[in-house]
Amino acid sequence: MSDEHKDFDGIEYRAETKSPVVFRILFAVLAAWAVCFMAYYLFSGWSSEAEFAQKKLAKQQQVATAQPGGKEAQPAAPATEGKRDEYLALGKKEFGERCVACHGPEGKGGIGPDLTRAEFKYGKTSQAIAQSIVDGRPGGMPSFKNDLSHEKVEGLVAFILSLK
């Protein structure tokens, strides 16, 4: 039996040297599409993080308009002098319960930044600190918007500003 005429159960073997033209065309089109697709998403500046940030902002705006009066939640205002001691005591208690794990018992830092520094990344005003507490910050600071009352936020702000 020669190699040219192999017959297995009535099925004749044909040795093809090239794939069908249709398959080669489909493969070339697929390869061209893959290159264009990768180039678009790699070099166009597309980012899933940016898309997530846009969706988060849209959700925050939706929640802000759903609140009574349509006003956006504002960070806590600075404490008045008459209540400063009360706020400091409340802030020290809340700091011990919520913040010590990341910022350390004296606020010198750990996982979170050092709260005794002269300047903070997002500002050391009472409004900036309140906004950091209420809204959180990228890179690890969680939002306490739903967990803390206005008075507790003011207490934390007063306590953080008192740290040296």
N, C-alpha and C. Protein backbone atom coordinates (compact mmCIF):
# COMPACT_ATOMS: atom_id res chain seq x y z
N MET A 1 0.84 -1.16 0.00
CA MET A 1 0.00 0.00 0.00
C MET A 1 0.89 1.24 0.00
N SER A 2 0.65 2.16 -0.90
CA SER A 2 1.49 3.34 -1.01
C SER A 2 0.96 4.46 -0.13
N ASP A 3 1.81 5.47 0.12
CA ASP A 3 1.44 6.60 0.97
C ASP A 3 0.44 7.54 0.30
N GLU A 4 0.35 7.49 -1.02
CA GLU A 4 -0.51 8.41 -1.74
C GLU A 4 -1.97 8.01 -1.67
N HIS A 5 -2.28 6.74 -1.55
CA HIS A 5 -3.66 6.28 -1.59
C HIS A 5 -4.02 5.56 -0.30
N LYS A 6 -4.18 6.36 0.78
CA LYS A 6 -4.57 5.75 2.05
C LYS A 6 -6.09 5.76 2.13
N ASP A 7 -6.64 4.63 2.46
CA ASP A 7 -8.07 4.50 2.52
C ASP A 7 -8.42 3.84 3.84
N PHE A 8 -9.16 4.59 4.72
CA PHE A 8 -9.55 4.06 6.01
C PHE A 8 -11.07 3.98 6.05
N ASP A 9 -11.60 2.81 6.12
CA ASP A 9 -13.04 2.58 6.21
C ASP A 9 -13.82 3.36 5.16
N GLY A 10 -13.32 3.44 3.98
CA GLY A 10 -14.00 4.11 2.89
C GLY A 10 -13.76 5.60 2.82
N ILE A 11 -12.98 6.14 3.75
CA ILE A 11 -12.70 7.57 3.74
C ILE A 11 -11.30 7.74 3.20
N GLU A 12 -11.21 8.47 2.14
CA GLU A 12 -9.92 8.65 1.48
C GLU A 12 -9.18 9.84 2.08
N TYR A 13 -7.93 9.69 2.38
CA TYR A 13 -7.08 10.71 2.99
C TYR A 13 -6.51 11.61 1.92
N ARG A 14 -6.64 12.95 2.13
CA ARG A 14 -6.03 13.91 1.23
C ARG A 14 -5.12 14.81 2.03
N ALA A 15 -3.90 14.87 1.69
CA ALA A 15 -2.95 15.74 2.39
C ALA A 15 -3.00 17.12 1.77
N GLU A 16 -3.56 18.09 2.53
CA GLU A 16 -3.64 19.47 2.06
C GLU A 16 -2.40 20.21 2.56
N THR A 17 -1.85 21.05 1.76
CA THR A 17 -0.68 21.82 2.17
C THR A 17 -1.06 23.21 2.66
N LYS A 18 -2.22 23.71 2.26
CA LYS A 18 -2.66 25.04 2.67
C LYS A 18 -4.07 24.95 3.26
N SER A 19 -4.34 25.89 4.18
CA SER A 19 -5.70 25.97 4.73
C SER A 19 -6.60 26.62 3.69
N PRO A 20 -7.89 26.45 3.82
CA PRO A 20 -8.81 27.07 2.86
C PRO A 20 -8.70 28.59 2.88
N VAL A 21 -8.94 29.21 1.77
CA VAL A 21 -8.81 30.66 1.60
C VAL A 21 -9.74 31.40 2.57
N VAL A 22 -10.93 30.90 2.77
CA VAL A 22 -11.90 31.55 3.65
C VAL A 22 -11.34 31.65 5.07
N PHE A 23 -10.70 30.58 5.54
CA PHE A 23 -10.13 30.60 6.89
C PHE A 23 -8.97 31.59 6.99
N ARG A 24 -8.17 31.68 5.96
CA ARG A 24 -7.07 32.62 5.98
C ARG A 24 -7.56 34.06 5.98
N ILE A 25 -8.61 34.35 5.23
CA ILE A 25 -9.18 35.70 5.19
C ILE A 25 -9.79 36.04 6.55
N LEU A 26 -10.54 35.12 7.14
CA LEU A 26 -11.14 35.36 8.45
C LEU A 26 -10.07 35.59 9.52
N PHE A 27 -9.00 34.83 9.46
CA PHE A 27 -7.91 35.01 10.42
C PHE A 27 -7.26 36.38 10.27
N ALA A 28 -7.03 36.84 9.05
CA ALA A 28 -6.42 38.15 8.81
C ALA A 28 -7.34 39.27 9.30
N VAL A 29 -8.64 39.14 9.06
CA VAL A 29 -9.58 40.16 9.53
C VAL A 29 -9.61 40.19 11.06
N LEU A 30 -9.62 39.03 11.69
CA LEU A 30 -9.61 38.95 13.14
C LEU A 30 -8.34 39.57 13.73
N ALA A 31 -7.21 39.29 13.14
CA ALA A 31 -5.95 39.84 13.61
C ALA A 31 -5.93 41.37 13.46
N ALA A 32 -6.43 41.88 12.35
CA ALA A 32 -6.48 43.33 12.13
C ALA A 32 -7.42 43.98 13.14
N TRP A 33 -8.57 43.37 13.40
CA TRP A 33 -9.51 43.89 14.38
C TRP A 33 -8.86 43.91 15.77
N ALA A 34 -8.15 42.88 16.16
CA ALA A 34 -7.52 42.80 17.48
C ALA A 34 -6.48 43.91 17.64
N VAL A 35 -5.71 44.18 16.62
CA VAL A 35 -4.70 45.24 16.69
C VAL A 35 -5.38 46.60 16.85
N CYS A 36 -6.43 46.85 16.08
CA CYS A 36 -7.16 48.12 16.20
C CYS A 36 -7.81 48.26 17.57
N PHE A 37 -8.41 47.21 18.07
CA PHE A 37 -9.07 47.23 19.37
C PHE A 37 -8.07 47.53 20.47
N MET A 38 -6.93 46.84 20.47
CA MET A 38 -5.92 47.07 21.50
C MET A 38 -5.34 48.47 21.39
N ALA A 39 -5.09 48.94 20.19
CA ALA A 39 -4.53 50.28 20.01
C ALA A 39 -5.50 51.33 20.54
N TYR A 40 -6.78 51.17 20.25
CA TYR A 40 -7.76 52.15 20.71
C TYR A 40 -7.80 52.20 22.23
N TYR A 41 -7.89 51.07 22.89
CA TYR A 41 -8.03 51.07 24.35
C TYR A 41 -6.72 51.32 25.08
N LEU A 42 -5.60 51.00 24.49
CA LEU A 42 -4.33 51.25 25.15
C LEU A 42 -3.84 52.67 24.97
N PHE A 43 -4.09 53.26 23.81
CA PHE A 43 -3.52 54.56 23.50
C PHE A 43 -4.53 55.71 23.51
N SER A 44 -5.80 55.43 23.75
CA SER A 44 -6.79 56.50 23.71
C SER A 44 -7.00 57.15 25.07
N GLY A 45 -6.38 56.64 26.12
CA GLY A 45 -6.56 57.20 27.45
C GLY A 45 -7.75 56.62 28.18
N TRP A 46 -8.38 55.61 27.63
CA TRP A 46 -9.51 54.96 28.28
C TRP A 46 -9.06 54.33 29.57
N SER A 47 -9.88 54.46 30.61
CA SER A 47 -9.53 53.88 31.89
C SER A 47 -10.80 53.47 32.60
N SER A 48 -10.81 52.28 33.12
CA SER A 48 -11.97 51.84 33.87
C SER A 48 -12.08 52.61 35.18
N GLU A 49 -10.97 53.11 35.72
CA GLU A 49 -11.00 53.91 36.93
C GLU A 49 -11.69 55.25 36.67
N ALA A 50 -11.42 55.84 35.52
CA ALA A 50 -12.07 57.10 35.18
C ALA A 50 -13.57 56.89 34.97
N GLU A 51 -13.94 55.80 34.35
CA GLU A 51 -15.34 55.49 34.16
C GLU A 51 -16.04 55.29 35.51
N PHE A 52 -15.35 54.61 36.43
CA PHE A 52 -15.90 54.40 37.76
C PHE A 52 -16.07 55.74 38.48
N ALA A 53 -15.11 56.62 38.36
CA ALA A 53 -15.19 57.93 39.01
C ALA A 53 -16.38 58.73 38.46
N GLN A 54 -16.62 58.65 37.15
CA GLN A 54 -17.75 59.36 36.56
C GLN A 54 -19.07 58.80 37.09
N LYS A 55 -19.17 57.48 37.18
CA LYS A 55 -20.39 56.87 37.69
C LYS A 55 -20.61 57.22 39.15
N LYS A 56 -19.53 57.27 39.93
CA LYS A 56 -19.63 57.62 41.34
C LYS A 56 -20.10 59.05 41.50
N LEU A 57 -19.57 59.97 40.70
CA LEU A 57 -19.97 61.36 40.75
C LEU A 57 -21.44 61.51 40.37
N ALA A 58 -21.88 60.80 39.34
CA ALA A 58 -23.27 60.85 38.93
C ALA A 58 -24.18 60.33 40.05
N LYS A 59 -23.77 59.27 40.72
CA LYS A 59 -24.55 58.72 41.83
C LYS A 59 -24.61 59.71 42.99
N GLN A 60 -23.50 60.38 43.30
CA GLN A 60 -23.49 61.37 44.38
C GLN A 60 -24.42 62.53 44.05
N GLN A 61 -24.43 62.97 42.78
CA GLN A 61 -25.32 64.05 42.38
C GLN A 61 -26.78 63.61 42.46
N GLN A 62 -27.04 62.37 42.12
CA GLN A 62 -28.40 61.84 42.20
C GLN A 62 -28.86 61.79 43.66
N VAL A 63 -27.99 61.35 44.55
CA VAL A 63 -28.32 61.29 45.97
C VAL A 63 -28.52 62.70 46.52
N ALA A 64 -27.68 63.65 46.09
CA ALA A 64 -27.79 65.02 46.58
C ALA A 64 -29.12 65.64 46.16
N THR A 65 -29.58 65.37 44.96
CA THR A 65 -30.85 65.94 44.52
C THR A 65 -32.03 65.22 45.15
N ALA A 66 -31.83 64.00 45.62
CA ALA A 66 -32.91 63.25 46.26
C ALA A 66 -33.10 63.66 47.71
N GLN A 67 -32.14 64.37 48.31
CA GLN A 67 -32.26 64.81 49.70
C GLN A 67 -33.31 65.91 49.79
N PRO A 68 -33.96 66.04 50.95
CA PRO A 68 -34.98 67.09 51.11
C PRO A 68 -34.38 68.46 50.83
N GLY A 69 -35.10 69.24 50.07
CA GLY A 69 -34.63 70.59 49.74
C GLY A 69 -33.65 70.60 48.58
N GLY A 70 -33.19 69.43 48.10
CA GLY A 70 -32.27 69.35 46.98
C GLY A 70 -30.89 69.86 47.29
N LYS A 71 -30.55 69.99 48.56
CA LYS A 71 -29.23 70.49 48.91
C LYS A 71 -28.27 69.34 49.10
N GLU A 72 -27.06 69.54 48.67
CA GLU A 72 -26.02 68.53 48.83
C GLU A 72 -25.54 68.54 50.28
N ALA A 73 -25.20 67.37 50.80
CA ALA A 73 -24.71 67.27 52.17
C ALA A 73 -23.41 68.06 52.30
N GLN A 74 -23.39 68.96 53.26
CA GLN A 74 -22.22 69.80 53.48
C GLN A 74 -21.40 69.25 54.63
N PRO A 75 -20.09 69.38 54.58
CA PRO A 75 -19.28 68.96 55.71
C PRO A 75 -19.58 69.84 56.92
N ALA A 76 -19.21 69.33 58.06
CA ALA A 76 -19.51 70.02 59.31
C ALA A 76 -18.82 71.37 59.37
N ALA A 77 -19.50 72.33 59.95
CA ALA A 77 -18.93 73.66 60.15
C ALA A 77 -18.03 73.64 61.39
N PRO A 78 -17.15 74.60 61.54
CA PRO A 78 -16.27 74.61 62.71
C PRO A 78 -17.07 74.76 64.00
N ALA A 79 -16.53 74.23 65.06
CA ALA A 79 -17.21 74.25 66.36
C ALA A 79 -17.21 75.66 66.92
N THR A 80 -18.30 76.01 67.62
CA THR A 80 -18.35 77.30 68.29
C THR A 80 -17.57 77.20 69.60
N GLU A 81 -17.16 78.34 70.13
CA GLU A 81 -16.32 78.35 71.32
C GLU A 81 -17.04 77.79 72.55
N GLY A 82 -18.34 78.02 72.66
CA GLY A 82 -19.09 77.56 73.83
C GLY A 82 -19.13 76.05 73.93
N LYS A 83 -19.11 75.38 72.81
CA LYS A 83 -19.21 73.92 72.80
C LYS A 83 -17.87 73.24 72.56
N ARG A 84 -16.81 74.01 72.49
CA ARG A 84 -15.50 73.46 72.12
C ARG A 84 -15.06 72.33 73.05
N ASP A 85 -15.22 72.47 74.35
CA ASP A 85 -14.81 71.42 75.29
C ASP A 85 -15.65 70.17 75.11
N GLU A 86 -16.96 70.36 74.89
CA GLU A 86 -17.83 69.21 74.65
C GLU A 86 -17.42 68.49 73.37
N TYR A 87 -17.15 69.27 72.34
CA TYR A 87 -16.74 68.68 71.06
C TYR A 87 -15.40 67.96 71.18
N LEU A 88 -14.47 68.55 71.93
CA LEU A 88 -13.17 67.89 72.12
C LEU A 88 -13.33 66.54 72.81
N ALA A 89 -14.17 66.48 73.85
CA ALA A 89 -14.39 65.22 74.56
C ALA A 89 -15.06 64.20 73.64
N LEU A 90 -16.07 64.66 72.90
CA LEU A 90 -16.76 63.76 71.96
C LEU A 90 -15.80 63.31 70.86
N GLY A 91 -14.99 64.24 70.36
CA GLY A 91 -14.03 63.91 69.30
C GLY A 91 -12.97 62.94 69.77
N LYS A 92 -12.50 63.11 70.99
CA LYS A 92 -11.49 62.19 71.54
C LYS A 92 -12.07 60.78 71.66
N LYS A 93 -13.32 60.69 72.09
CA LYS A 93 -13.98 59.38 72.22
C LYS A 93 -14.13 58.73 70.84
N GLU A 94 -14.63 59.48 69.86
CA GLU A 94 -14.81 58.94 68.51
C GLU A 94 -13.47 58.58 67.87
N PHE A 95 -12.46 59.40 68.11
CA PHE A 95 -11.13 59.11 67.57
C PHE A 95 -10.63 57.78 68.13
N GLY A 96 -10.83 57.57 69.42
CA GLY A 96 -10.41 56.31 70.04
C GLY A 96 -11.15 55.11 69.48
N GLU A 97 -12.42 55.29 69.10
CA GLU A 97 -13.21 54.18 68.59
C GLU A 97 -12.96 53.91 67.11
N ARG A 98 -12.79 54.95 66.31
CA ARG A 98 -12.77 54.78 64.86
C ARG A 98 -11.42 55.04 64.19
N CYS A 99 -10.62 55.91 64.73
CA CYS A 99 -9.46 56.42 64.00
C CYS A 99 -8.12 55.86 64.47
N VAL A 100 -8.07 55.34 65.70
CA VAL A 100 -6.81 54.88 66.28
C VAL A 100 -6.18 53.76 65.45
N ALA A 101 -7.00 52.92 64.87
CA ALA A 101 -6.47 51.77 64.12
C ALA A 101 -5.58 52.22 62.97
N CYS A 102 -5.91 53.31 62.33
CA CYS A 102 -5.13 53.77 61.17
C CYS A 102 -4.17 54.92 61.52
N HIS A 103 -4.59 55.82 62.39
CA HIS A 103 -3.79 57.02 62.66
C HIS A 103 -2.97 56.92 63.95
N GLY A 104 -3.12 55.85 64.71
CA GLY A 104 -2.36 55.68 65.94
C GLY A 104 -3.00 56.40 67.11
N PRO A 105 -2.64 56.02 68.35
CA PRO A 105 -3.28 56.61 69.54
C PRO A 105 -3.00 58.10 69.73
N GLU A 106 -1.86 58.59 69.29
CA GLU A 106 -1.55 60.02 69.40
C GLU A 106 -1.73 60.74 68.07
N GLY A 107 -2.23 60.04 67.04
CA GLY A 107 -2.42 60.65 65.74
C GLY A 107 -1.14 60.78 64.95
N LYS A 108 -0.09 60.06 65.33
CA LYS A 108 1.22 60.18 64.67
C LYS A 108 1.29 59.39 63.36
N GLY A 109 0.24 58.69 63.02
CA GLY A 109 0.23 57.95 61.76
C GLY A 109 0.46 56.48 61.97
N GLY A 110 0.35 55.76 60.94
CA GLY A 110 0.47 54.30 60.90
C GLY A 110 0.09 53.92 59.49
N ILE A 111 -1.09 53.32 59.37
CA ILE A 111 -1.63 53.07 58.03
C ILE A 111 -2.04 54.41 57.42
N GLY A 112 -2.71 55.23 58.23
CA GLY A 112 -3.13 56.55 57.79
C GLY A 112 -2.03 57.58 58.03
N PRO A 113 -2.21 58.80 57.53
CA PRO A 113 -1.17 59.82 57.67
C PRO A 113 -1.07 60.37 59.09
N ASP A 114 0.02 61.07 59.33
CA ASP A 114 0.29 61.72 60.61
C ASP A 114 -0.62 62.94 60.73
N LEU A 115 -1.44 62.98 61.77
CA LEU A 115 -2.38 64.09 61.96
C LEU A 115 -1.80 65.22 62.80
N THR A 116 -0.53 65.10 63.20
CA THR A 116 0.10 66.16 63.98
C THR A 116 0.97 67.07 63.11
N ARG A 117 1.02 66.81 61.81
CA ARG A 117 1.82 67.64 60.91
C ARG A 117 1.23 69.04 60.78
N ALA A 118 2.06 69.95 60.29
CA ALA A 118 1.61 71.34 60.12
C ALA A 118 0.62 71.48 58.98
N GLU A 119 0.76 70.66 57.94
CA GLU A 119 -0.13 70.75 56.78
C GLU A 119 -0.60 69.35 56.40
N PHE A 120 -1.81 69.27 55.86
CA PHE A 120 -2.36 68.02 55.37
C PHE A 120 -2.43 68.08 53.85
N LYS A 121 -2.49 66.93 53.24
CA LYS A 121 -2.55 66.85 51.78
C LYS A 121 -3.77 67.59 51.22
N TYR A 122 -4.92 67.48 51.89
CA TYR A 122 -6.15 68.10 51.40
C TYR A 122 -6.51 69.37 52.17
N GLY A 123 -5.59 69.89 52.97
CA GLY A 123 -5.81 71.12 53.71
C GLY A 123 -6.07 70.86 55.18
N LYS A 124 -5.68 71.83 56.01
CA LYS A 124 -5.83 71.67 57.45
C LYS A 124 -6.88 72.63 57.99
N THR A 125 -7.81 73.06 57.17
CA THR A 125 -8.92 73.86 57.65
C THR A 125 -9.98 72.92 58.20
N SER A 126 -10.85 73.47 59.02
CA SER A 126 -11.90 72.62 59.60
C SER A 126 -12.83 72.07 58.52
N GLN A 127 -13.10 72.87 57.47
CA GLN A 127 -13.95 72.38 56.38
C GLN A 127 -13.28 71.24 55.62
N ALA A 128 -11.98 71.35 55.35
CA ALA A 128 -11.27 70.30 54.61
C ALA A 128 -11.21 69.01 55.42
N ILE A 129 -10.97 69.14 56.72
CA ILE A 129 -10.90 67.95 57.57
C ILE A 129 -12.28 67.30 57.67
N ALA A 130 -13.32 68.13 57.83
CA ALA A 130 -14.68 67.60 57.89
C ALA A 130 -15.05 66.89 56.59
N GLN A 131 -14.65 67.47 55.47
CA GLN A 131 -14.94 66.84 54.18
C GLN A 131 -14.20 65.50 54.06
N SER A 132 -12.97 65.44 54.54
CA SER A 132 -12.22 64.18 54.51
C SER A 132 -12.92 63.12 55.35
N ILE A 133 -13.45 63.51 56.50
CA ILE A 133 -14.14 62.56 57.38
C ILE A 133 -15.46 62.13 56.75
N VAL A 134 -16.22 63.08 56.26
CA VAL A 134 -17.55 62.78 55.72
C VAL A 134 -17.47 62.02 54.41
N ASP A 135 -16.66 62.48 53.47
CA ASP A 135 -16.63 61.89 52.13
C ASP A 135 -15.53 60.85 51.94
N GLY A 136 -14.53 60.82 52.84
CA GLY A 136 -13.40 59.92 52.64
C GLY A 136 -12.45 60.48 51.61
N ARG A 137 -11.35 59.80 51.40
CA ARG A 137 -10.35 60.22 50.42
C ARG A 137 -9.83 59.00 49.69
N PRO A 138 -9.39 59.16 48.44
CA PRO A 138 -8.85 58.02 47.69
C PRO A 138 -7.59 57.48 48.34
N GLY A 139 -7.42 56.20 48.31
CA GLY A 139 -6.22 55.59 48.83
C GLY A 139 -6.35 55.07 50.25
N GLY A 140 -7.58 54.98 50.78
CA GLY A 140 -7.72 54.33 52.07
C GLY A 140 -8.63 54.99 53.08
N MET A 141 -8.84 56.31 53.02
CA MET A 141 -9.71 56.96 54.01
C MET A 141 -11.16 56.67 53.66
N PRO A 142 -11.86 55.92 54.53
CA PRO A 142 -13.26 55.60 54.23
C PRO A 142 -14.18 56.78 54.51
N SER A 143 -15.35 56.75 53.94
CA SER A 143 -16.36 57.77 54.19
C SER A 143 -17.15 57.40 55.44
N PHE A 144 -17.38 58.38 56.30
CA PHE A 144 -18.19 58.16 57.50
C PHE A 144 -19.49 58.95 57.42
N LYS A 145 -19.93 59.25 56.20
CA LYS A 145 -21.12 60.06 55.97
C LYS A 145 -22.34 59.46 56.67
N ASN A 146 -22.50 58.16 56.58
CA ASN A 146 -23.68 57.51 57.14
C ASN A 146 -23.48 57.04 58.57
N ASP A 147 -22.26 57.13 59.09
CA ASP A 147 -21.97 56.58 60.42
C ASP A 147 -21.89 57.63 61.52
N LEU A 148 -21.59 58.87 61.16
CA LEU A 148 -21.35 59.90 62.17
C LEU A 148 -22.37 61.02 62.06
N SER A 149 -22.83 61.49 63.21
CA SER A 149 -23.72 62.64 63.22
C SER A 149 -22.90 63.92 63.02
N HIS A 150 -23.61 65.00 62.82
CA HIS A 150 -22.96 66.30 62.62
C HIS A 150 -22.09 66.67 63.82
N GLU A 151 -22.60 66.40 65.02
CA GLU A 151 -21.86 66.74 66.23
C GLU A 151 -20.59 65.90 66.37
N LYS A 152 -20.69 64.63 66.02
CA LYS A 152 -19.50 63.76 66.11
C LYS A 152 -18.44 64.19 65.12
N VAL A 153 -18.85 64.60 63.93
CA VAL A 153 -17.88 65.09 62.93
C VAL A 153 -17.22 66.36 63.45
N GLU A 154 -18.02 67.27 64.02
CA GLU A 154 -17.45 68.50 64.57
C GLU A 154 -16.48 68.18 65.71
N GLY A 155 -16.84 67.19 66.52
CA GLY A 155 -15.95 66.80 67.61
C GLY A 155 -14.63 66.24 67.10
N LEU A 156 -14.70 65.39 66.07
CA LEU A 156 -13.47 64.85 65.47
C LEU A 156 -12.62 65.96 64.88
N VAL A 157 -13.24 66.92 64.20
CA VAL A 157 -12.50 68.04 63.61
C VAL A 157 -11.80 68.83 64.70
N ALA A 158 -12.52 69.12 65.78
CA ALA A 158 -11.92 69.88 66.89
C ALA A 158 -10.77 69.09 67.52
N PHE A 159 -10.95 67.79 67.68
CA PHE A 159 -9.89 66.98 68.30
C PHE A 159 -8.67 66.90 67.38
N ILE A 160 -8.88 66.70 66.11
CA ILE A 160 -7.75 66.60 65.15
C ILE A 160 -6.98 67.92 65.11
N LEU A 161 -7.70 69.04 65.12
CA LEU A 161 -7.02 70.34 65.10
C LEU A 161 -6.27 70.60 66.41
N SER A 162 -6.68 69.93 67.49
CA SER A 162 -5.99 70.13 68.77
C SER A 162 -4.74 69.27 68.90
N LEU A 163 -4.56 68.28 67.99
CA LEU A 163 -3.38 67.41 68.08
C LEU A 163 -2.12 68.20 67.74
N LYS A 164 -1.08 67.98 68.50
CA LYS A 164 0.20 68.65 68.24
C LYS A 164 1.31 67.62 68.15
